[in-house]
Amino acid sequence: MKHRLLLPLLAAVLALLPGAAEACAVCFGSTDSPLGKGLHWGVFALLVTVCCVLAAFAAFAVYLVRRAALVARDELKPGTPA
C-alpha cells in the first residue's frame, strides 16, 4: 500500500514545484533570434530525416512486392525447369 501512494505523491510534488512550470530557454527569447532559428532548422532537419527513412522503407516494401510477384509469375509458367 505504501508503494502505491509513493508515485502519485511524487508526481504531485513535482507538479507543484514552481521551477517545473517554467518554459525552456528558447521560449523566453524572441523567435527571430539565432537560437530560435537554429531550433526551427533542427526540427526541420529531423522531419526530413524521418520522412526519408519512411520513404526508403516504403520503397523497399514495393521492391519486395514486385520481386515476389515476378517470382510467382515465373513459377506458374509452363515448361520452366523446377
PDB file of N, CA and C in Angstrom:
ATOM      1  N   MET A   1       0.830  -1.200   0.000  1.00  0.00           N
ATOM      2  CA  MET A   1       0.000   0.000   0.000  1.00  0.00           C
ATOM      3  C   MET A   1       0.870   1.257   0.000  1.00  0.00           C
ATOM      4  N   LYS A   2       1.989   1.164   0.697  1.00  0.00           N
ATOM      5  CA  LYS A   2       2.869   2.324   0.808  1.00  0.00           C
ATOM      6  C   LYS A   2       3.480   2.680  -0.549  1.00  0.00           C
ATOM      7  N   HIS A   3       3.814   1.672  -1.341  1.00  0.00           N
ATOM      8  CA  HIS A   3       4.433   1.921  -2.647  1.00  0.00           C
ATOM      9  C   HIS A   3       3.433   2.459  -3.662  1.00  0.00           C
ATOM     10  N   ARG A   4       2.176   2.136  -3.513  1.00  0.00           N
ATOM     11  CA  ARG A   4       1.153   2.632  -4.450  1.00  0.00           C
ATOM     12  C   ARG A   4       0.933   4.125  -4.308  1.00  0.00           C
ATOM     13  N   LEU A   5       1.122   4.645  -3.141  1.00  0.00           N
ATOM     14  CA  LEU A   5       0.916   6.081  -2.909  1.00  0.00           C
ATOM     15  C   LEU A   5       2.169   6.900  -3.195  1.00  0.00           C
ATOM     16  N   LEU A   6       3.316   6.250  -3.272  1.00  0.00           N
ATOM     17  CA  LEU A   6       4.559   6.978  -3.437  1.00  0.00           C
ATOM     18  C   LEU A   6       4.659   7.669  -4.797  1.00  0.00           C
ATOM     19  N   LEU A   7       4.315   6.974  -5.864  1.00  0.00           N
ATOM     20  CA  LEU A   7       4.427   7.557  -7.201  1.00  0.00           C
ATOM     21  C   LEU A   7       3.454   8.726  -7.418  1.00  0.00           C
ATOM     22  N   PRO A   8       2.172   8.592  -7.084  1.00  0.00           N
ATOM     23  CA  PRO A   8       1.285   9.763  -7.245  1.00  0.00           C
ATOM     24  C   PRO A   8       1.688  10.943  -6.359  1.00  0.00           C
ATOM     25  N   LEU A   9       2.186  10.651  -5.159  1.00  0.00           N
ATOM     26  CA  LEU A   9       2.620  11.724  -4.268  1.00  0.00           C
ATOM     27  C   LEU A   9       3.844  12.437  -4.845  1.00  0.00           C
ATOM     28  N   LEU A  10       4.771  11.675  -5.379  1.00  0.00           N
ATOM     29  CA  LEU A  10       5.945  12.264  -6.002  1.00  0.00           C
ATOM     30  C   LEU A  10       5.568  13.097  -7.231  1.00  0.00           C
ATOM     31  N   ALA A  11       4.632  12.603  -8.034  1.00  0.00           N
ATOM     32  CA  ALA A  11       4.175  13.349  -9.211  1.00  0.00           C
ATOM     33  C   ALA A  11       3.494  14.655  -8.794  1.00  0.00           C
ATOM     34  N   ALA A  12       2.709  14.617  -7.732  1.00  0.00           N
ATOM     35  CA  ALA A  12       2.031  15.829  -7.263  1.00  0.00           C
ATOM     36  C   ALA A  12       3.042  16.848  -6.746  1.00  0.00           C
ATOM     37  N   VAL A  13       4.058  16.389  -6.036  1.00  0.00           N
ATOM     38  CA  VAL A  13       5.074  17.310  -5.525  1.00  0.00           C
ATOM     39  C   VAL A  13       5.838  17.954  -6.679  1.00  0.00           C
ATOM     40  N   LEU A  14       6.212  17.153  -7.674  1.00  0.00           N
ATOM     41  CA  LEU A  14       6.925  17.714  -8.830  1.00  0.00           C
ATOM     42  C   LEU A  14       6.061  18.679  -9.625  1.00  0.00           C
ATOM     43  N   ALA A  15       4.764  18.410  -9.714  1.00  0.00           N
ATOM     44  CA  ALA A  15       3.869  19.293 -10.452  1.00  0.00           C
ATOM     45  C   ALA A  15       3.677  20.631  -9.742  1.00  0.00           C
ATOM     46  N   LEU A  16       3.796  20.632  -8.441  1.00  0.00           N
ATOM     47  CA  LEU A  16       3.581  21.859  -7.678  1.00  0.00           C
ATOM     48  C   LEU A  16       4.843  22.699  -7.511  1.00  0.00           C
ATOM     49  N   LEU A  17       5.985  22.191  -7.934  1.00  0.00           N
ATOM     50  CA  LEU A  17       7.213  22.978  -7.842  1.00  0.00           C
ATOM     51  C   LEU A  17       7.171  24.109  -8.867  1.00  0.00           C
ATOM     52  N   PRO A  18       7.504  25.331  -8.482  1.00  0.00           N
ATOM     53  CA  PRO A  18       7.430  26.446  -9.437  1.00  0.00           C
ATOM     54  C   PRO A  18       8.474  26.342 -10.544  1.00  0.00           C
ATOM     55  N   GLY A  19       9.611  25.750 -10.292  1.00  0.00           N
ATOM     56  CA  GLY A  19      10.643  25.637 -11.311  1.00  0.00           C
ATOM     57  C   GLY A  19      10.236  24.706 -12.441  1.00  0.00           C
ATOM     58  N   ALA A  20       9.395  23.731 -12.166  1.00  0.00           N
ATOM     59  CA  ALA A  20       8.978  22.779 -13.191  1.00  0.00           C
ATOM     60  C   ALA A  20       8.009  23.415 -14.187  1.00  0.00           C
ATOM     61  N   ALA A  21       7.383  24.522 -13.802  1.00  0.00           N
ATOM     62  CA  ALA A  21       6.401  25.155 -14.674  1.00  0.00           C
ATOM     63  C   ALA A  21       7.024  26.182 -15.616  1.00  0.00           C
ATOM     64  N   GLU A  22       8.294  26.468 -15.438  1.00  0.00           N
ATOM     65  CA  GLU A  22       8.945  27.454 -16.297  1.00  0.00           C
ATOM     66  C   GLU A  22       9.173  26.882 -17.689  1.00  0.00           C
ATOM     67  N   ALA A  23       9.169  27.761 -18.651  1.00  0.00           N
ATOM     68  CA  ALA A  23       9.395  27.339 -20.030  1.00  0.00           C
ATOM     69  C   ALA A  23      10.893  27.179 -20.277  1.00  0.00           C
ATOM     70  N   CYS A  24      11.211  26.572 -21.392  1.00  0.00           N
ATOM     71  CA  CYS A  24      12.625  26.374 -21.722  1.00  0.00           C
ATOM     72  C   CYS A  24      13.263  27.713 -22.122  1.00  0.00           C
ATOM     73  N   ALA A  25      14.570  27.704 -22.283  1.00  0.00           N
ATOM     74  CA  ALA A  25      15.291  28.938 -22.590  1.00  0.00           C
ATOM     75  C   ALA A  25      14.913  29.494 -23.962  1.00  0.00           C
ATOM     76  N   VAL A  26      14.536  28.635 -24.881  1.00  0.00           N
ATOM     77  CA  VAL A  26      14.163  29.096 -26.222  1.00  0.00           C
ATOM     78  C   VAL A  26      12.854  29.885 -26.167  1.00  0.00           C
ATOM     79  N   CYS A  27      11.918  29.457 -25.335  1.00  0.00           N
ATOM     80  CA  CYS A  27      10.614  30.133 -25.267  1.00  0.00           C
ATOM     81  C   CYS A  27      10.713  31.520 -24.650  1.00  0.00           C
ATOM     82  N   PHE A  28      11.733  31.775 -23.857  1.00  0.00           N
ATOM     83  CA  PHE A  28      11.873  33.091 -23.253  1.00  0.00           C
ATOM     84  C   PHE A  28      12.367  34.123 -24.244  1.00  0.00           C
ATOM     85  N   GLY A  29      13.121  33.706 -25.250  1.00  0.00           N
ATOM     86  CA  GLY A  29      13.680  34.634 -26.220  1.00  0.00           C
ATOM     87  C   GLY A  29      12.712  34.906 -27.355  1.00  0.00           C
ATOM     88  N   SER A  30      13.157  35.767 -28.258  1.00  0.00           N
ATOM     89  CA  SER A  30      12.327  36.069 -29.420  1.00  0.00           C
ATOM     90  C   SER A  30      12.524  34.975 -30.471  1.00  0.00           C
ATOM     91  N   THR A  31      11.543  34.793 -31.325  1.00  0.00           N
ATOM     92  CA  THR A  31      11.633  33.742 -32.339  1.00  0.00           C
ATOM     93  C   THR A  31      12.553  34.125 -33.485  1.00  0.00           C
ATOM     94  N   ASP A  32      12.924  35.392 -33.570  1.00  0.00           N
ATOM     95  CA  ASP A  32      13.840  35.841 -34.619  1.00  0.00           C
ATOM     96  C   ASP A  32      15.301  35.738 -34.208  1.00  0.00           C
ATOM     97  N   SER A  33      15.566  35.301 -32.999  1.00  0.00           N
ATOM     98  CA  SER A  33      16.947  35.195 -32.529  1.00  0.00           C
ATOM     99  C   SER A  33      17.636  34.016 -33.215  1.00  0.00           C
ATOM    100  N   PRO A  34      18.945  34.011 -33.245  1.00  0.00           N
ATOM    101  CA  PRO A  34      19.659  32.883 -33.849  1.00  0.00           C
ATOM    102  C   PRO A  34      19.343  31.551 -33.176  1.00  0.00           C
ATOM    103  N   LEU A  35      19.095  31.582 -31.870  1.00  0.00           N
ATOM    104  CA  LEU A  35      18.747  30.352 -31.169  1.00  0.00           C
ATOM    105  C   LEU A  35      17.401  29.809 -31.645  1.00  0.00           C
ATOM    106  N   GLY A  36      16.438  30.691 -31.843  1.00  0.00           N
ATOM    107  CA  GLY A  36      15.128  30.264 -32.340  1.00  0.00           C
ATOM    108  C   GLY A  36      15.190  29.756 -33.767  1.00  0.00           C
ATOM    109  N   LYS A  37      15.984  30.426 -34.590  1.00  0.00           N
ATOM    110  CA  LYS A  37      16.131  29.972 -35.980  1.00  0.00           C
ATOM    111  C   LYS A  37      16.834  28.619 -36.043  1.00  0.00           C
ATOM    112  N   GLY A  38      17.833  28.441 -35.194  1.00  0.00           N
ATOM    113  CA  GLY A  38      18.520  27.154 -35.132  1.00  0.00           C
ATOM    114  C   GLY A  38      17.595  26.044 -34.681  1.00  0.00           C
ATOM    115  N   LEU A  39      16.718  26.357 -33.739  1.00  0.00           N
ATOM    116  CA  LEU A  39      15.745  25.364 -33.279  1.00  0.00           C
ATOM    117  C   LEU A  39      14.798  24.979 -34.403  1.00  0.00           C
ATOM    118  N   HIS A  40      14.336  25.943 -35.158  1.00  0.00           N
ATOM    119  CA  HIS A  40      13.432  25.655 -36.274  1.00  0.00           C
ATOM    120  C   HIS A  40      14.119  24.808 -37.337  1.00  0.00           C
ATOM    121  N   TRP A  41      15.379  25.123 -37.666  1.00  0.00           N
ATOM    122  CA  TRP A  41      16.110  24.335 -38.656  1.00  0.00           C
ATOM    123  C   TRP A  41      16.396  22.925 -38.134  1.00  0.00           C
ATOM    124  N   GLY A  42      16.623  22.808 -36.837  1.00  0.00           N
ATOM    125  CA  GLY A  42      16.836  21.484 -36.252  1.00  0.00           C
ATOM    126  C   GLY A  42      15.594  20.616 -36.350  1.00  0.00           C
ATOM    127  N   VAL A  43      14.445  21.196 -36.065  1.00  0.00           N
ATOM    128  CA  VAL A  43      13.189  20.458 -36.189  1.00  0.00           C
ATOM    129  C   VAL A  43      12.941  20.080 -37.646  1.00  0.00           C
ATOM    130  N   PHE A  44      13.215  20.991 -38.557  1.00  0.00           N
ATOM    131  CA  PHE A  44      13.050  20.703 -39.983  1.00  0.00           C
ATOM    132  C   PHE A  44      13.984  19.572 -40.427  1.00  0.00           C
ATOM    133  N   ALA A  45      15.233  19.582 -39.953  1.00  0.00           N
ATOM    134  CA  ALA A  45      16.186  18.531 -40.325  1.00  0.00           C
ATOM    135  C   ALA A  45      15.724  17.172 -39.802  1.00  0.00           C
ATOM    136  N   LEU A  46      15.211  17.139 -38.588  1.00  0.00           N
ATOM    137  CA  LEU A  46      14.702  15.876 -38.046  1.00  0.00           C
ATOM    138  C   LEU A  46      13.488  15.393 -38.828  1.00  0.00           C
ATOM    139  N   LEU A  47      12.628  16.301 -39.226  1.00  0.00           N
ATOM    140  CA  LEU A  47      11.450  15.936 -40.005  1.00  0.00           C
ATOM    141  C   LEU A  47      11.844  15.368 -41.362  1.00  0.00           C
ATOM    142  N   VAL A  48      12.812  15.990 -42.008  1.00  0.00           N
ATOM    143  CA  VAL A  48      13.298  15.496 -43.304  1.00  0.00           C
ATOM    144  C   VAL A  48      13.922  14.112 -43.152  1.00  0.00           C
ATOM    145  N   THR A  49      14.684  13.914 -42.088  1.00  0.00           N
ATOM    146  CA  THR A  49      15.312  12.613 -41.844  1.00  0.00           C
ATOM    147  C   THR A  49      14.269  11.525 -41.663  1.00  0.00           C
ATOM    148  N   VAL A  50      13.261  11.788 -40.869  1.00  0.00           N
ATOM    149  CA  VAL A  50      12.205  10.798 -40.638  1.00  0.00           C
ATOM    150  C   VAL A  50      11.465  10.494 -41.937  1.00  0.00           C
ATOM    151  N   CYS A  51      11.168  11.513 -42.713  1.00  0.00           N
ATOM    152  CA  CYS A  51      10.464  11.294 -43.987  1.00  0.00           C
ATOM    153  C   CYS A  51      11.314  10.483 -44.961  1.00  0.00           C
ATOM    154  N   CYS A  52      12.605  10.730 -44.997  1.00  0.00           N
ATOM    155  CA  CYS A  52      13.489   9.957 -45.890  1.00  0.00           C
ATOM    156  C   CYS A  52      13.558   8.497 -45.472  1.00  0.00           C
ATOM    157  N   VAL A  53      13.638   8.233 -44.180  1.00  0.00           N
ATOM    158  CA  VAL A  53      13.674   6.847 -43.704  1.00  0.00           C
ATOM    159  C   VAL A  53      12.358   6.143 -44.030  1.00  0.00           C
ATOM    160  N   LEU A  54      11.237   6.816 -43.830  1.00  0.00           N
ATOM    161  CA  LEU A  54       9.944   6.213 -44.152  1.00  0.00           C
ATOM    162  C   LEU A  54       9.797   5.972 -45.654  1.00  0.00           C
ATOM    163  N   ALA A  55      10.290   6.885 -46.463  1.00  0.00           N
ATOM    164  CA  ALA A  55      10.231   6.698 -47.916  1.00  0.00           C
ATOM    165  C   ALA A  55      11.105   5.529 -48.343  1.00  0.00           C
ATOM    166  N   ALA A  56      12.274   5.378 -47.738  1.00  0.00           N
ATOM    167  CA  ALA A  56      13.145   4.249 -48.064  1.00  0.00           C
ATOM    168  C   ALA A  56      12.495   2.929 -47.656  1.00  0.00           C
ATOM    169  N   PHE A  57      11.850   2.896 -46.522  1.00  0.00           N
ATOM    170  CA  PHE A  57      11.151   1.690 -46.073  1.00  0.00           C
ATOM    171  C   PHE A  57      10.006   1.348 -47.034  1.00  0.00           C
ATOM    172  N   ALA A  58       9.258   2.343 -47.460  1.00  0.00           N
ATOM    173  CA  ALA A  58       8.162   2.107 -48.408  1.00  0.00           C
ATOM    174  C   ALA A  58       8.697   1.634 -49.754  1.00  0.00           C
ATOM    175  N   ALA A  59       9.796   2.215 -50.214  1.00  0.00           N
ATOM    176  CA  ALA A  59      10.386   1.790 -51.488  1.00  0.00           C
ATOM    177  C   ALA A  59      10.875   0.350 -51.400  1.00  0.00           C
ATOM    178  N   PHE A  60      11.448  -0.039 -50.282  1.00  0.00           N
ATOM    179  CA  PHE A  60      11.897  -1.413 -50.109  1.00  0.00           C
ATOM    180  C   PHE A  60      10.704  -2.372 -50.083  1.00  0.00           C
ATOM    181  N   ALA A  61       9.611  -1.971 -49.451  1.00  0.00           N
ATOM    182  CA  ALA A  61       8.409  -2.810 -49.429  1.00  0.00           C
ATOM    183  C   ALA A  61       7.852  -2.987 -50.836  1.00  0.00           C
ATOM    184  N   VAL A  62       7.831  -1.929 -51.633  1.00  0.00           N
ATOM    185  CA  VAL A  62       7.359  -2.024 -53.018  1.00  0.00           C
ATOM    186  C   VAL A  62       8.277  -2.937 -53.821  1.00  0.00           C
ATOM    187  N   TYR A  63       9.582  -2.819 -53.597  1.00  0.00           N
ATOM    188  CA  TYR A  63      10.541  -3.693 -54.281  1.00  0.00           C
ATOM    189  C   TYR A  63      10.267  -5.159 -53.934  1.00  0.00           C
ATOM    190  N   LEU A  64      10.031  -5.448 -52.661  1.00  0.00           N
ATOM    191  CA  LEU A  64       9.763  -6.832 -52.256  1.00  0.00           C
ATOM    192  C   LEU A  64       8.471  -7.364 -52.867  1.00  0.00           C
ATOM    193  N   VAL A  65       7.445  -6.539 -52.940  1.00  0.00           N
ATOM    194  CA  VAL A  65       6.176  -6.976 -53.525  1.00  0.00           C
ATOM    195  C   VAL A  65       6.352  -7.255 -55.015  1.00  0.00           C
ATOM    196  N   ARG A  66       7.044  -6.373 -55.708  1.00  0.00           N
ATOM    197  CA  ARG A  66       7.273  -6.594 -57.146  1.00  0.00           C
ATOM    198  C   ARG A  66       8.135  -7.830 -57.384  1.00  0.00           C
ATOM    199  N   ARG A  67       9.136  -8.016 -56.571  1.00  0.00           N
ATOM    200  CA  ARG A  67      10.014  -9.175 -56.721  1.00  0.00           C
ATOM    201  C   ARG A  67       9.243 -10.472 -56.457  1.00  0.00           C
ATOM    202  N   ALA A  68       8.385 -10.469 -55.437  1.00  0.00           N
ATOM    203  CA  ALA A  68       7.582 -11.654 -55.139  1.00  0.00           C
ATOM    204  C   ALA A  68       6.613 -11.959 -56.273  1.00  0.00           C
ATOM    205  N   ALA A  69       6.027 -10.915 -56.864  1.00  0.00           N
ATOM    206  CA  ALA A  69       5.113 -11.124 -57.993  1.00  0.00           C
ATOM    207  C   ALA A  69       5.861 -11.683 -59.195  1.00  0.00           C
ATOM    208  N   LEU A  70       7.087 -11.222 -59.419  1.00  0.00           N
ATOM    209  CA  LEU A  70       7.891 -11.721 -60.530  1.00  0.00           C
ATOM    210  C   LEU A  70       8.252 -13.197 -60.332  1.00  0.00           C
ATOM    211  N   VAL A  71       8.625 -13.556 -59.133  1.00  0.00           N
ATOM    212  CA  VAL A  71       8.965 -14.951 -58.836  1.00  0.00           C
ATOM    213  C   VAL A  71       7.730 -15.829 -58.946  1.00  0.00           C
ATOM    214  N   ALA A  72       6.599 -15.362 -58.454  1.00  0.00           N
ATOM    215  CA  ALA A  72       5.363 -16.140 -58.534  1.00  0.00           C
ATOM    216  C   ALA A  72       4.943 -16.325 -59.989  1.00  0.00           C
ATOM    217  N   ARG A  73       5.125 -15.298 -60.810  1.00  0.00           N
ATOM    218  CA  ARG A  73       4.774 -15.410 -62.229  1.00  0.00           C
ATOM    219  C   ARG A  73       5.676 -16.414 -62.944  1.00  0.00           C
ATOM    220  N   ASP A  74       6.962 -16.399 -62.610  1.00  0.00           N
ATOM    221  CA  ASP A  74       7.898 -17.331 -63.234  1.00  0.00           C
ATOM    222  C   ASP A  74       7.628 -18.776 -62.812  1.00  0.00           C
ATOM    223  N   GLU A  75       7.160 -18.967 -61.600  1.00  0.00           N
ATOM    224  CA  GLU A  75       6.862 -20.321 -61.139  1.00  0.00           C
ATOM    225  C   GLU A  75       5.615 -20.886 -61.808  1.00  0.00           C
ATOM    226  N   LEU A  76       4.704 -20.043 -62.242  1.00  0.00           N
ATOM    227  CA  LEU A  76       3.460 -20.501 -62.852  1.00  0.00           C
ATOM    228  C   LEU A  76       3.599 -20.765 -64.351  1.00  0.00           C
ATOM    229  N   LYS A  77       4.690 -20.333 -64.967  1.00  0.00           N
ATOM    230  CA  LYS A  77       4.878 -20.537 -66.414  1.00  0.00           C
ATOM    231  C   LYS A  77       5.075 -22.028 -66.691  1.00  0.00           C
ATOM    232  N   PRO A  78       4.359 -22.535 -67.673  1.00  0.00           N
ATOM    233  CA  PRO A  78       4.572 -23.940 -68.009  1.00  0.00           C
ATOM    234  C   PRO A  78       5.887 -24.105 -68.771  1.00  0.00           C
ATOM    235  N   GLY A  79       6.557 -25.225 -68.547  1.00  0.00           N
ATOM    236  CA  GLY A  79       7.769 -25.522 -69.274  1.00  0.00           C
ATOM    237  C   GLY A  79       9.025 -24.974 -68.657  1.00  0.00           C
ATOM    238  N   THR A  80       8.936 -24.311 -67.537  1.00  0.00           N
ATOM    239  CA  THR A  80      10.145 -23.827 -66.886  1.00  0.00           C
ATOM    240  C   THR A  80      10.669 -24.918 -65.963  1.00  0.00           C
ATOM    241  N   PRO A  81      11.969 -25.151 -65.955  1.00  0.00           N
ATOM    242  CA  PRO A  81      12.511 -26.201 -65.085  1.00  0.00           C
ATOM    243  C   PRO A  81      12.370 -25.823 -63.617  1.00  0.00           C
ATOM    244  N   ALA A  82      12.088 -26.807 -62.814  1.00  0.00           N
ATOM    245  CA  ALA A  82      11.876 -26.560 -61.383  1.00  0.00           C
ATOM    246  C   ALA A  82      13.167 -26.591 -60.614  1.00  0.00           C
TER     247      ALA A  82
END
